[in-house]
Amino acid sequence: MSIRFRLIAVTSLCLAIGCEAKQEFKNVMPPSATAVVSKESAARLEEADKADGTADHVIGKCYVCGLGMNGSEKFTVKVGDYQAHLCSEACQQQFTENAEEIVAKTEIPSGNKSE
């Protein structure tokens, strides 16, 4: 009876862990997400795009981190005609969910250089 109980316990544990792993997988952001912003925020995106010295429609610094950290193509969010590279999955998710608010409150640093 002890072996049967252990077998049931191990099987139950494996099923519980397997279900939990599937639930975590559902929360992973796609490699590229999309956000929508107002015309005013689109103009601010244009300013941020020009801040690195090139108007290439790619913002290479992480918007969530106040344009202070380098972003990564791995965590890109498409915003209108622009691509915003964020520094992490958490920043990508936050920007996707709150792009309007983040763009509106972020101060565009002058002389911002992408590395």
PDB file of N, CA and C in Angstrom:
ATOM      1  N   MET A   1       0.819  -1.190   0.000  1.00  0.00           N
ATOM      2  CA  MET A   1       0.000   0.000   0.000  1.00  0.00           C
ATOM      3  C   MET A   1       0.866   1.259   0.000  1.00  0.00           C
ATOM      4  N   SER A   2       1.987   1.219   0.592  1.00  0.00           N
ATOM      5  CA  SER A   2       2.882   2.354   0.635  1.00  0.00           C
ATOM      6  C   SER A   2       3.401   2.694  -0.763  1.00  0.00           C
ATOM      7  N   ILE A   3       3.702   1.693  -1.563  1.00  0.00           N
ATOM      8  CA  ILE A   3       4.180   1.914  -2.928  1.00  0.00           C
ATOM      9  C   ILE A   3       3.072   2.545  -3.765  1.00  0.00           C
ATOM     10  N   ARG A   4       1.850   2.061  -3.604  1.00  0.00           N
ATOM     11  CA  ARG A   4       0.718   2.610  -4.346  1.00  0.00           C
ATOM     12  C   ARG A   4       0.509   4.089  -3.990  1.00  0.00           C
ATOM     13  N   PHE A   5       0.590   4.408  -2.709  1.00  0.00           N
ATOM     14  CA  PHE A   5       0.432   5.792  -2.273  1.00  0.00           C
ATOM     15  C   PHE A   5       1.526   6.677  -2.868  1.00  0.00           C
ATOM     16  N   ARG A   6       2.760   6.221  -2.856  1.00  0.00           N
ATOM     17  CA  ARG A   6       3.871   6.975  -3.425  1.00  0.00           C
ATOM     18  C   ARG A   6       3.696   7.176  -4.927  1.00  0.00           C
ATOM     19  N   LEU A   7       3.245   6.160  -5.625  1.00  0.00           N
ATOM     20  CA  LEU A   7       3.027   6.259  -7.062  1.00  0.00           C
ATOM     21  C   LEU A   7       1.949   7.297  -7.375  1.00  0.00           C
ATOM     22  N   ILE A   8       0.887   7.280  -6.608  1.00  0.00           N
ATOM     23  CA  ILE A   8      -0.186   8.265  -6.797  1.00  0.00           C
ATOM     24  C   ILE A   8       0.323   9.668  -6.483  1.00  0.00           C
ATOM     25  N   ALA A   9       1.099   9.816  -5.419  1.00  0.00           N
ATOM     26  CA  ALA A   9       1.631  11.127  -5.039  1.00  0.00           C
ATOM     27  C   ALA A   9       2.568  11.669  -6.117  1.00  0.00           C
ATOM     28  N   VAL A  10       3.456  10.836  -6.640  1.00  0.00           N
ATOM     29  CA  VAL A  10       4.401  11.267  -7.678  1.00  0.00           C
ATOM     30  C   VAL A  10       3.651  11.623  -8.956  1.00  0.00           C
ATOM     31  N   THR A  11       2.676  10.815  -9.338  1.00  0.00           N
ATOM     32  CA  THR A  11       1.883  11.094 -10.536  1.00  0.00           C
ATOM     33  C   THR A  11       1.120  12.411 -10.378  1.00  0.00           C
ATOM     34  N   SER A  12       0.534  12.634  -9.216  1.00  0.00           N
ATOM     35  CA  SER A  12      -0.202  13.877  -8.969  1.00  0.00           C
ATOM     36  C   SER A  12       0.724  15.080  -9.033  1.00  0.00           C
ATOM     37  N   LEU A  13       1.915  14.930  -8.467  1.00  0.00           N
ATOM     38  CA  LEU A  13       2.892  16.016  -8.492  1.00  0.00           C
ATOM     39  C   LEU A  13       3.322  16.324  -9.930  1.00  0.00           C
ATOM     40  N   CYS A  14       3.574  15.303 -10.708  1.00  0.00           N
ATOM     41  CA  CYS A  14       3.966  15.507 -12.114  1.00  0.00           C
ATOM     42  C   CYS A  14       2.862  16.206 -12.893  1.00  0.00           C
ATOM     43  N   LEU A  15       1.635  15.820 -12.667  1.00  0.00           N
ATOM     44  CA  LEU A  15       0.515  16.469 -13.355  1.00  0.00           C
ATOM     45  C   LEU A  15       0.384  17.925 -12.927  1.00  0.00           C
ATOM     46  N   ALA A  16       0.559  18.197 -11.642  1.00  0.00           N
ATOM     47  CA  ALA A  16       0.457  19.571 -11.155  1.00  0.00           C
ATOM     48  C   ALA A  16       1.563  20.440 -11.731  1.00  0.00           C
ATOM     49  N   ILE A  17       2.773  19.936 -11.778  1.00  0.00           N
ATOM     50  CA  ILE A  17       3.894  20.696 -12.334  1.00  0.00           C
ATOM     51  C   ILE A  17       3.686  20.908 -13.826  1.00  0.00           C
ATOM     52  N   GLY A  18       3.233  19.903 -14.533  1.00  0.00           N
ATOM     53  CA  GLY A  18       2.985  20.028 -15.971  1.00  0.00           C
ATOM     54  C   GLY A  18       1.934  21.070 -16.269  1.00  0.00           C
ATOM     55  N   CYS A  19       0.852  21.114 -15.502  1.00  0.00           N
ATOM     56  CA  CYS A  19      -0.198  22.111 -15.708  1.00  0.00           C
ATOM     57  C   CYS A  19       0.320  23.506 -15.417  1.00  0.00           C
ATOM     58  N   GLU A  20       1.121  23.654 -14.380  1.00  0.00           N
ATOM     59  CA  GLU A  20       1.673  24.958 -14.025  1.00  0.00           C
ATOM     60  C   GLU A  20       2.587  25.475 -15.125  1.00  0.00           C
ATOM     61  N   ALA A  21       3.401  24.608 -15.713  1.00  0.00           N
ATOM     62  CA  ALA A  21       4.322  25.035 -16.776  1.00  0.00           C
ATOM     63  C   ALA A  21       3.533  25.535 -17.986  1.00  0.00           C
ATOM     64  N   LYS A  22       2.437  24.883 -18.319  1.00  0.00           N
ATOM     65  CA  LYS A  22       1.625  25.326 -19.449  1.00  0.00           C
ATOM     66  C   LYS A  22       1.031  26.703 -19.173  1.00  0.00           C
ATOM     67  N   GLN A  23       0.635  26.955 -17.942  1.00  0.00           N
ATOM     68  CA  GLN A  23       0.056  28.237 -17.587  1.00  0.00           C
ATOM     69  C   GLN A  23       1.096  29.351 -17.722  1.00  0.00           C
ATOM     70  N   GLU A  24       2.338  29.104 -17.295  1.00  0.00           N
ATOM     71  CA  GLU A  24       3.392  30.102 -17.433  1.00  0.00           C
ATOM     72  C   GLU A  24       3.659  30.408 -18.894  1.00  0.00           C
ATOM     73  N   PHE A  25       3.628  29.424 -19.771  1.00  0.00           N
ATOM     74  CA  PHE A  25       3.919  29.617 -21.184  1.00  0.00           C
ATOM     75  C   PHE A  25       2.917  30.565 -21.829  1.00  0.00           C
ATOM     76  N   LYS A  26       1.673  30.542 -21.389  1.00  0.00           N
ATOM     77  CA  LYS A  26       0.646  31.411 -21.966  1.00  0.00           C
ATOM     78  C   LYS A  26       0.941  32.885 -21.720  1.00  0.00           C
ATOM     79  N   ASN A  27       1.677  33.211 -20.646  1.00  0.00           N
ATOM     80  CA  ASN A  27       1.934  34.603 -20.293  1.00  0.00           C
ATOM     81  C   ASN A  27       3.136  35.207 -21.013  1.00  0.00           C
ATOM     82  N   VAL A  28       3.842  34.466 -21.826  1.00  0.00           N
ATOM     83  CA  VAL A  28       5.022  34.968 -22.511  1.00  0.00           C
ATOM     84  C   VAL A  28       4.597  35.923 -23.627  1.00  0.00           C
ATOM     85  N   MET A  29       5.232  37.102 -23.675  1.00  0.00           N
ATOM     86  CA  MET A  29       4.927  38.090 -24.713  1.00  0.00           C
ATOM     87  C   MET A  29       5.464  37.604 -26.047  1.00  0.00           C
ATOM     88  N   PRO A  30       4.812  37.958 -27.135  1.00  0.00           N
ATOM     89  CA  PRO A  30       5.343  37.602 -28.446  1.00  0.00           C
ATOM     90  C   PRO A  30       6.634  38.360 -28.704  1.00  0.00           C
ATOM     91  N   PRO A  31       7.492  37.871 -29.608  1.00  0.00           N
ATOM     92  CA  PRO A  31       8.745  38.559 -29.890  1.00  0.00           C
ATOM     93  C   PRO A  31       8.536  39.998 -30.344  1.00  0.00           C
ATOM     94  N   SER A  32       7.431  40.275 -30.994  1.00  0.00           N
ATOM     95  CA  SER A  32       7.125  41.631 -31.422  1.00  0.00           C
ATOM     96  C   SER A  32       5.666  41.896 -31.105  1.00  0.00           C
ATOM     97  N   ALA A  33       5.408  42.985 -30.403  1.00  0.00           N
ATOM     98  CA  ALA A  33       4.050  43.329 -30.019  1.00  0.00           C
ATOM     99  C   ALA A  33       3.676  44.643 -30.694  1.00  0.00           C
ATOM    100  N   THR A  34       2.411  45.055 -30.537  1.00  0.00           N
ATOM    101  CA  THR A  34       1.924  46.288 -31.156  1.00  0.00           C
ATOM    102  C   THR A  34       1.228  47.132 -30.107  1.00  0.00           C
ATOM    103  N   ALA A  35       1.429  48.447 -30.187  1.00  0.00           N
ATOM    104  CA  ALA A  35       0.754  49.394 -29.296  1.00  0.00           C
ATOM    105  C   ALA A  35       0.211  50.533 -30.144  1.00  0.00           C
ATOM    106  N   VAL A  36      -0.830  51.170 -29.658  1.00  0.00           N
ATOM    107  CA  VAL A  36      -1.460  52.280 -30.371  1.00  0.00           C
ATOM    108  C   VAL A  36      -1.344  53.526 -29.493  1.00  0.00           C
ATOM    109  N   VAL A  37      -0.986  54.661 -30.121  1.00  0.00           N
ATOM    110  CA  VAL A  37      -0.877  55.930 -29.396  1.00  0.00           C
ATOM    111  C   VAL A  37      -1.566  57.041 -30.184  1.00  0.00           C
ATOM    112  N   SER A  38      -1.796  58.147 -29.507  1.00  0.00           N
ATOM    113  CA  SER A  38      -2.441  59.315 -30.125  1.00  0.00           C
ATOM    114  C   SER A  38      -1.476  60.025 -31.073  1.00  0.00           C
ATOM    115  N   LYS A  39      -2.005  61.009 -31.820  1.00  0.00           N
ATOM    116  CA  LYS A  39      -1.167  61.812 -32.725  1.00  0.00           C
ATOM    117  C   LYS A  39      -0.105  62.583 -31.940  1.00  0.00           C
ATOM    118  N   GLU A  40      -0.467  63.074 -30.752  1.00  0.00           N
ATOM    119  CA  GLU A  40       0.492  63.810 -29.923  1.00  0.00           C
ATOM    120  C   GLU A  40       1.659  62.910 -29.524  1.00  0.00           C
ATOM    121  N   SER A  41       1.348  61.686 -29.129  1.00  0.00           N
ATOM    122  CA  SER A  41       2.400  60.758 -28.739  1.00  0.00           C
ATOM    123  C   SER A  41       3.207  60.300 -29.946  1.00  0.00           C
ATOM    124  N   ALA A  42       2.569  60.213 -31.109  1.00  0.00           N
ATOM    125  CA  ALA A  42       3.303  59.862 -32.331  1.00  0.00           C
ATOM    126  C   ALA A  42       4.353  60.929 -32.635  1.00  0.00           C
ATOM    127  N   ALA A  43       4.025  62.199 -32.374  1.00  0.00           N
ATOM    128  CA  ALA A  43       4.991  63.278 -32.572  1.00  0.00           C
ATOM    129  C   ALA A  43       6.152  63.137 -31.594  1.00  0.00           C
ATOM    130  N   ARG A  44       5.871  62.703 -30.378  1.00  0.00           N
ATOM    131  CA  ARG A  44       6.936  62.483 -29.391  1.00  0.00           C
ATOM    132  C   ARG A  44       7.808  61.293 -29.794  1.00  0.00           C
ATOM    133  N   LEU A  45       7.211  60.292 -30.409  1.00  0.00           N
ATOM    134  CA  LEU A  45       7.996  59.161 -30.923  1.00  0.00           C
ATOM    135  C   LEU A  45       8.968  59.646 -31.991  1.00  0.00           C
ATOM    136  N   GLU A  46       8.512  60.582 -32.817  1.00  0.00           N
ATOM    137  CA  GLU A  46       9.375  61.133 -33.851  1.00  0.00           C
ATOM    138  C   GLU A  46      10.575  61.850 -33.221  1.00  0.00           C
ATOM    139  N   GLU A  47      10.325  62.593 -32.137  1.00  0.00           N
ATOM    140  CA  GLU A  47      11.421  63.266 -31.422  1.00  0.00           C
ATOM    141  C   GLU A  47      12.418  62.236 -30.876  1.00  0.00           C
ATOM    142  N   ALA A  48      11.894  61.184 -30.272  1.00  0.00           N
ATOM    143  CA  ALA A  48      12.777  60.156 -29.702  1.00  0.00           C
ATOM    144  C   ALA A  48      13.569  59.457 -30.795  1.00  0.00           C
ATOM    145  N   ASP A  49      12.952  59.275 -31.951  1.00  0.00           N
ATOM    146  CA  ASP A  49      13.630  58.644 -33.082  1.00  0.00           C
ATOM    147  C   ASP A  49      14.806  59.507 -33.549  1.00  0.00           C
ATOM    148  N   LYS A  50      14.609  60.808 -33.604  1.00  0.00           N
ATOM    149  CA  LYS A  50      15.657  61.725 -34.065  1.00  0.00           C
ATOM    150  C   LYS A  50      16.765  61.922 -33.025  1.00  0.00           C
ATOM    151  N   ALA A  51      16.492  61.618 -31.775  1.00  0.00           N
ATOM    152  CA  ALA A  51      17.445  61.883 -30.696  1.00  0.00           C
ATOM    153  C   ALA A  51      18.754  61.117 -30.853  1.00  0.00           C
ATOM    154  N   ASP A  52      18.742  60.009 -31.573  1.00  0.00           N
ATOM    155  CA  ASP A  52      19.992  59.256 -31.757  1.00  0.00           C
ATOM    156  C   ASP A  52      20.765  59.701 -32.995  1.00  0.00           C
ATOM    157  N   GLY A  53      20.279  60.742 -33.661  1.00  0.00           N
ATOM    158  CA  GLY A  53      20.986  61.287 -34.815  1.00  0.00           C
ATOM    159  C   GLY A  53      20.528  60.748 -36.149  1.00  0.00           C
ATOM    160  N   THR A  54      19.636  59.772 -36.152  1.00  0.00           N
ATOM    161  CA  THR A  54      19.092  59.234 -37.403  1.00  0.00           C
ATOM    162  C   THR A  54      17.585  59.104 -37.295  1.00  0.00           C
ATOM    163  N   ALA A  55      16.897  59.463 -38.373  1.00  0.00           N
ATOM    164  CA  ALA A  55      15.441  59.318 -38.427  1.00  0.00           C
ATOM    165  C   ALA A  55      15.134  58.039 -39.192  1.00  0.00           C
ATOM    166  N   ASP A  56      15.278  56.903 -38.506  1.00  0.00           N
ATOM    167  CA  ASP A  56      15.119  55.602 -39.151  1.00  0.00           C
ATOM    168  C   ASP A  56      13.877  54.845 -38.684  1.00  0.00           C
ATOM    169  N   HIS A  57      13.028  55.511 -37.908  1.00  0.00           N
ATOM    170  CA  HIS A  57      11.795  54.922 -37.364  1.00  0.00           C
ATOM    171  C   HIS A  57      12.070  53.785 -36.381  1.00  0.00           C
ATOM    172  N   VAL A  58      13.275  53.779 -35.814  1.00  0.00           N
ATOM    173  CA  VAL A  58      13.642  52.806 -34.785  1.00  0.00           C
ATOM    174  C   VAL A  58      14.125  53.575 -33.567  1.00  0.00           C
ATOM    175  N   ILE A  59      13.472  53.335 -32.436  1.00  0.00           N
ATOM    176  CA  ILE A  59      13.890  53.946 -31.181  1.00  0.00           C
ATOM    177  C   ILE A  59      14.673  52.880 -30.438  1.00  0.00           C
ATOM    178  N   GLY A  60      15.983  53.061 -30.373  1.00  0.00           N
ATOM    179  CA  GLY A  60      16.881  52.033 -29.857  1.00  0.00           C
ATOM    180  C   GLY A  60      17.049  52.008 -28.353  1.00  0.00           C
ATOM    181  N   LYS A  61      16.526  53.005 -27.660  1.00  0.00           N
ATOM    182  CA  LYS A  61      16.615  53.047 -26.198  1.00  0.00           C
ATOM    183  C   LYS A  61      15.278  52.639 -25.591  1.00  0.00           C
ATOM    184  N   CYS A  62      15.327  52.037 -24.416  1.00  0.00           N
ATOM    185  CA  CYS A  62      14.118  51.544 -23.749  1.00  0.00           C
ATOM    186  C   CYS A  62      13.260  52.700 -23.241  1.00  0.00           C
ATOM    187  N   TYR A  63      12.063  52.817 -23.780  1.00  0.00           N
ATOM    188  CA  TYR A  63      11.145  53.884 -23.384  1.00  0.00           C
ATOM    189  C   TYR A  63      10.727  53.747 -21.926  1.00  0.00           C
ATOM    190  N   VAL A  64      10.510  52.531 -21.463  1.00  0.00           N
ATOM    191  CA  VAL A  64      10.056  52.313 -20.091  1.00  0.00           C
ATOM    192  C   VAL A  64      11.121  52.773 -19.103  1.00  0.00           C
ATOM    193  N   CYS A  65      12.378  52.638 -19.473  1.00  0.00           N
ATOM    194  CA  CYS A  65      13.502  53.069 -18.620  1.00  0.00           C
ATOM    195  C   CYS A  65      13.889  54.514 -18.897  1.00  0.00           C
ATOM    196  N   GLY A  66      12.978  55.293 -19.437  1.00  0.00           N
ATOM    197  CA  GLY A  66      13.218  56.714 -19.674  1.00  0.00           C
ATOM    198  C   GLY A  66      14.251  56.988 -20.755  1.00  0.00           C
ATOM    199  N   LEU A  67      14.353  56.068 -21.723  1.00  0.00           N
ATOM    200  CA  LEU A  67      15.296  56.175 -22.833  1.00  0.00           C
ATOM    201  C   LEU A  67      16.743  56.215 -22.346  1.00  0.00           C
ATOM    202  N   GLY A  68      16.986  55.609 -21.197  1.00  0.00           N
ATOM    203  CA  GLY A  68      18.320  55.596 -20.619  1.00  0.00           C
ATOM    204  C   GLY A  68      19.096  54.320 -20.848  1.00  0.00           C
ATOM    205  N   MET A  69      18.415  53.246 -21.209  1.00  0.00           N
ATOM    206  CA  MET A  69      19.085  51.961 -21.418  1.00  0.00           C
ATOM    207  C   MET A  69      18.924  51.529 -22.867  1.00  0.00           C
ATOM    208  N   ASN A  70      19.898  50.807 -23.374  1.00  0.00           N
ATOM    209  CA  ASN A  70      19.779  50.274 -24.726  1.00  0.00           C
ATOM    210  C   ASN A  70      18.667  49.241 -24.777  1.00  0.00           C
ATOM    211  N   GLY A  71      17.876  49.316 -25.830  1.00  0.00           N
ATOM    212  CA  GLY A  71      16.846  48.332 -26.056  1.00  0.00           C
ATOM    213  C   GLY A  71      17.395  47.186 -26.894  1.00  0.00           C
ATOM    214  N   SER A  72      16.565  46.188 -27.134  1.00  0.00           N
ATOM    215  CA  SER A  72      16.957  45.017 -27.914  1.00  0.00           C
ATOM    216  C   SER A  72      15.879  44.712 -28.951  1.00  0.00           C
ATOM    217  N   GLU A  73      16.305  44.299 -30.128  1.00  0.00           N
ATOM    218  CA  GLU A  73      15.332  43.901 -31.158  1.00  0.00           C
ATOM    219  C   GLU A  73      14.465  42.753 -30.664  1.00  0.00           C
ATOM    220  N   LYS A  74      14.978  41.983 -29.736  1.00  0.00           N
ATOM    221  CA  LYS A  74      14.240  40.839 -29.181  1.00  0.00           C
ATOM    222  C   LYS A  74      12.948  41.295 -28.506  1.00  0.00           C
ATOM    223  N   PHE A  75      12.946  42.523 -27.966  1.00  0.00           N
ATOM    224  CA  PHE A  75      11.787  43.047 -27.242  1.00  0.00           C
ATOM    225  C   PHE A  75      11.237  44.283 -27.951  1.00  0.00           C
ATOM    226  N   THR A  76      10.832  44.113 -29.200  1.00  0.00           N
ATOM    227  CA  THR A  76      10.344  45.205 -30.028  1.00  0.00           C
ATOM    228  C   THR A  76       8.835  45.351 -29.906  1.00  0.00           C
ATOM    229  N   VAL A  77       8.387  46.605 -29.867  1.00  0.00           N
ATOM    230  CA  VAL A  77       6.956  46.917 -29.930  1.00  0.00           C
ATOM    231  C   VAL A  77       6.768  47.859 -31.107  1.00  0.00           C
ATOM    232  N   LYS A  78       5.863  47.501 -32.001  1.00  0.00           N
ATOM    233  CA  LYS A  78       5.549  48.351 -33.145  1.00  0.00           C
ATOM    234  C   LYS A  78       4.505  49.366 -32.696  1.00  0.00           C
ATOM    235  N   VAL A  79       4.837  50.643 -32.900  1.00  0.00           N
ATOM    236  CA  VAL A  79       3.940  51.737 -32.523  1.00  0.00           C
ATOM    237  C   VAL A  79       3.793  52.628 -33.743  1.00  0.00           C
ATOM    238  N   GLY A  80       2.673  52.498 -34.454  1.00  0.00           N
ATOM    239  CA  GLY A  80       2.487  53.247 -35.692  1.00  0.00           C
ATOM    240  C   GLY A  80       3.575  52.879 -36.686  1.00  0.00           C
ATOM    241  N   ASP A  81       4.298  53.888 -37.181  1.00  0.00           N
ATOM    242  CA  ASP A  81       5.384  53.652 -38.135  1.00  0.00           C
ATOM    243  C   ASP A  81       6.725  53.398 -37.445  1.00  0.00           C
ATOM    244  N   TYR A  82       6.731  53.323 -36.134  1.00  0.00           N
ATOM    245  CA  TYR A  82       7.975  53.209 -35.377  1.00  0.00           C
ATOM    246  C   TYR A  82       8.114  51.838 -34.729  1.00  0.00           C
ATOM    247  N   GLN A  83       9.355  51.467 -34.490  1.00  0.00           N
ATOM    248  CA  GLN A  83       9.672  50.275 -33.714  1.00  0.00           C
ATOM    249  C   GLN A  83      10.390  50.741 -32.457  1.00  0.00           C
ATOM    250  N   ALA A  84       9.856  50.405 -31.321  1.00  0.00           N
ATOM    251  CA  ALA A  84      10.495  50.743 -30.049  1.00  0.00           C
ATOM    252  C   ALA A  84      11.160  49.484 -29.514  1.00  0.00           C
ATOM    253  N   HIS A  85      12.469  49.559 -29.328  1.00  0.00           N
ATOM    254  CA  HIS A  85      13.211  48.435 -28.763  1.00  0.00           C
ATOM    255  C   HIS A  85      13.274  48.628 -27.252  1.00  0.00           C
ATOM    256  N   LEU A  86      12.773  47.664 -26.512  1.00  0.00           N
ATOM    257  CA  LEU A  86      12.770  47.724 -25.062  1.00  0.00           C
ATOM    258  C   LEU A  86      13.888  46.820 -24.530  1.00  0.00           C
ATOM    259  N   CYS A  87      14.229  46.979 -23.266  1.00  0.00           N
ATOM    260  CA  CYS A  87      15.389  46.269 -22.733  1.00  0.00           C
ATOM    261  C   CYS A  87      15.054  44.896 -22.148  1.00  0.00           C
ATOM    262  N   SER A  88      13.785  44.599 -21.913  1.00  0.00           N
ATOM    263  CA  SER A  88      13.437  43.318 -21.294  1.00  0.00           C
ATOM    264  C   SER A  88      12.000  42.941 -21.633  1.00  0.00           C
ATOM    265  N   GLU A  89      11.655  41.715 -21.324  1.00  0.00           N
ATOM    266  CA  GLU A  89      10.284  41.250 -21.554  1.00  0.00           C
ATOM    267  C   GLU A  89       9.304  42.026 -20.672  1.00  0.00           C
ATOM    268  N   ALA A  90       9.720  42.330 -19.441  1.00  0.00           N
ATOM    269  CA  ALA A  90       8.849  43.080 -18.537  1.00  0.00           C
ATOM    270  C   ALA A  90       8.573  44.482 -19.089  1.00  0.00           C
ATOM    271  N   CYS A  91       9.616  45.144 -19.599  1.00  0.00           N
ATOM    272  CA  CYS A  91       9.422  46.478 -20.186  1.00  0.00           C
ATOM    273  C   CYS A  91       8.570  46.390 -21.446  1.00  0.00           C
ATOM    274  N   GLN A  92       8.766  45.337 -22.236  1.00  0.00           N
ATOM    275  CA  GLN A  92       7.963  45.147 -23.445  1.00  0.00           C
ATOM    276  C   GLN A  92       6.485  45.026 -23.086  1.00  0.00           C
ATOM    277  N   GLN A  93       6.193  44.243 -22.083  1.00  0.00           N
ATOM    278  CA  GLN A  93       4.802  44.054 -21.672  1.00  0.00           C
ATOM    279  C   GLN A  93       4.224  45.359 -21.124  1.00  0.00           C
ATOM    280  N   GLN A  94       4.986  46.047 -20.281  1.00  0.00           N
ATOM    281  CA  GLN A  94       4.507  47.304 -19.705  1.00  0.00           C
ATOM    282  C   GLN A  94       4.263  48.347 -20.800  1.00  0.00           C
ATOM    283  N   PHE A  95       5.169  48.440 -21.768  1.00  0.00           N
ATOM    284  CA  PHE A  95       5.011  49.413 -22.852  1.00  0.00           C
ATOM    285  C   PHE A  95       3.807  49.052 -23.720  1.00  0.00           C
ATOM    286  N   THR A  96       3.625  47.790 -24.018  1.00  0.00           N
ATOM    287  CA  THR A  96       2.489  47.351 -24.829  1.00  0.00           C
ATOM    288  C   THR A  96       1.168  47.717 -24.157  1.00  0.00           C
ATOM    289  N   GLU A  97       1.111  47.564 -22.850  1.00  0.00           N
ATOM    290  CA  GLU A  97      -0.124  47.827 -22.114  1.00  0.00           C
ATOM    291  C   GLU A  97      -0.349  49.312 -21.829  1.00  0.00           C
ATOM    292  N   ASN A  98       0.730  50.114 -21.743  1.00  0.00           N
ATOM    293  CA  ASN A  98       0.609  51.520 -21.323  1.00  0.00           C
ATOM    294  C   ASN A  98       1.403  52.466 -22.208  1.00  0.00           C
ATOM    295  N   ALA A  99       1.487  52.210 -23.494  1.00  0.00           N
ATOM    296  CA  ALA A  99       2.336  53.005 -24.392  1.00  0.00           C
ATOM    297  C   ALA A  99       1.979  54.481 -24.354  1.00  0.00           C
ATOM    298  N   GLU A 100       0.726  54.818 -24.425  1.00  0.00           N
ATOM    299  CA  GLU A 100       0.304  56.225 -24.448  1.00  0.00           C
ATOM    300  C   GLU A 100       0.828  56.969 -23.222  1.00  0.00           C
ATOM    301  N   GLU A 101       0.610  56.413 -22.066  1.00  0.00           N
ATOM    302  CA  GLU A 101       1.039  57.040 -20.817  1.00  0.00           C
ATOM    303  C   GLU A 101       2.567  57.150 -20.741  1.00  0.00           C
ATOM    304  N   ILE A 102       3.263  56.094 -21.116  1.00  0.00           N
ATOM    305  CA  ILE A 102       4.725  56.086 -21.045  1.00  0.00           C
ATOM    306  C   ILE A 102       5.327  57.099 -22.014  1.00  0.00           C
ATOM    307  N   VAL A 103       4.839  57.136 -23.241  1.00  0.00           N
ATOM    308  CA  VAL A 103       5.364  58.070 -24.236  1.00  0.00           C
ATOM    309  C   VAL A 103       5.093  59.509 -23.806  1.00  0.00           C
ATOM    310  N   ALA A 104       3.908  59.760 -23.283  1.00  0.00           N
ATOM    311  CA  ALA A 104       3.530  61.115 -22.891  1.00  0.00           C
ATOM    312  C   ALA A 104       4.388  61.646 -21.745  1.00  0.00           C
ATOM    313  N   LYS A 105       4.770  60.806 -20.806  1.00  0.00           N
ATOM    314  CA  LYS A 105       5.498  61.304 -19.632  1.00  0.00           C
ATOM    315  C   LYS A 105       7.018  61.224 -19.763  1.00  0.00           C
ATOM    316  N   THR A 106       7.532  60.558 -20.791  1.00  0.00           N
ATOM    317  CA  THR A 106       8.976  60.396 -20.932  1.00  0.00           C
ATOM    318  C   THR A 106       9.612  61.651 -21.510  1.00  0.00           C
ATOM    319  N   GLU A 107      10.623  62.140 -20.814  1.00  0.00           N
ATOM    320  CA  GLU A 107      11.377  63.296 -21.291  1.00  0.00           C
ATOM    321  C   GLU A 107      12.393  62.806 -22.314  1.00  0.00           C
ATOM    322  N   ILE A 108      12.402  63.428 -23.497  1.00  0.00           N
ATOM    323  CA  ILE A 108      13.322  63.028 -24.557  1.00  0.00           C
ATOM    324  C   ILE A 108      14.676  63.685 -24.275  1.00  0.00           C
ATOM    325  N   PRO A 109      15.692  62.890 -23.965  1.00  0.00           N
ATOM    326  CA  PRO A 109      17.002  63.476 -23.695  1.00  0.00           C
ATOM    327  C   PRO A 109      17.647  64.005 -24.988  1.00  0.00           C
ATOM    328  N   SER A 110      18.304  65.119 -24.883  1.00  0.00           N
ATOM    329  CA  SER A 110      19.008  65.646 -26.058  1.00  0.00           C
ATOM    330  C   SER A 110      20.360  64.948 -26.151  1.00  0.00           C
ATOM    331  N   GLY A 111      20.772  64.675 -27.372  1.00  0.00           N
ATOM    332  CA  GLY A 111      22.058  64.017 -27.571  1.00  0.00           C
ATOM    333  C   GLY A 111      22.051  62.543 -27.232  1.00  0.00           C
ATOM    334  N   ASN A 112      20.865  61.919 -27.198  1.00  0.00           N
ATOM    335  CA  ASN A 112      20.741  60.495 -26.923  1.00  0.00           C
ATOM    336  C   ASN A 112      21.381  59.714 -28.063  1.00  0.00           C
ATOM    337  N   LYS A 113      22.367  58.895 -27.795  1.00  0.00           N
ATOM    338  CA  LYS A 113      23.052  58.134 -28.833  1.00  0.00           C
ATOM    339  C   LYS A 113      22.799  56.653 -28.649  1.00  0.00           C
ATOM    340  N   SER A 114      22.330  55.972 -29.693  1.00  0.00           N
ATOM    341  CA  SER A 114      22.175  54.518 -29.644  1.00  0.00           C
ATOM    342  C   SER A 114      23.532  53.886 -29.789  1.00  0.00           C
ATOM    343  N   GLU A 115      23.766  52.837 -29.046  1.00  0.00           N
ATOM    344  CA  GLU A 115      25.054  52.138 -29.126  1.00  0.00           C
ATOM    345  C   GLU A 115      24.877  50.822 -29.817  1.00  0.00           C
TER     346      GLU A 115
END
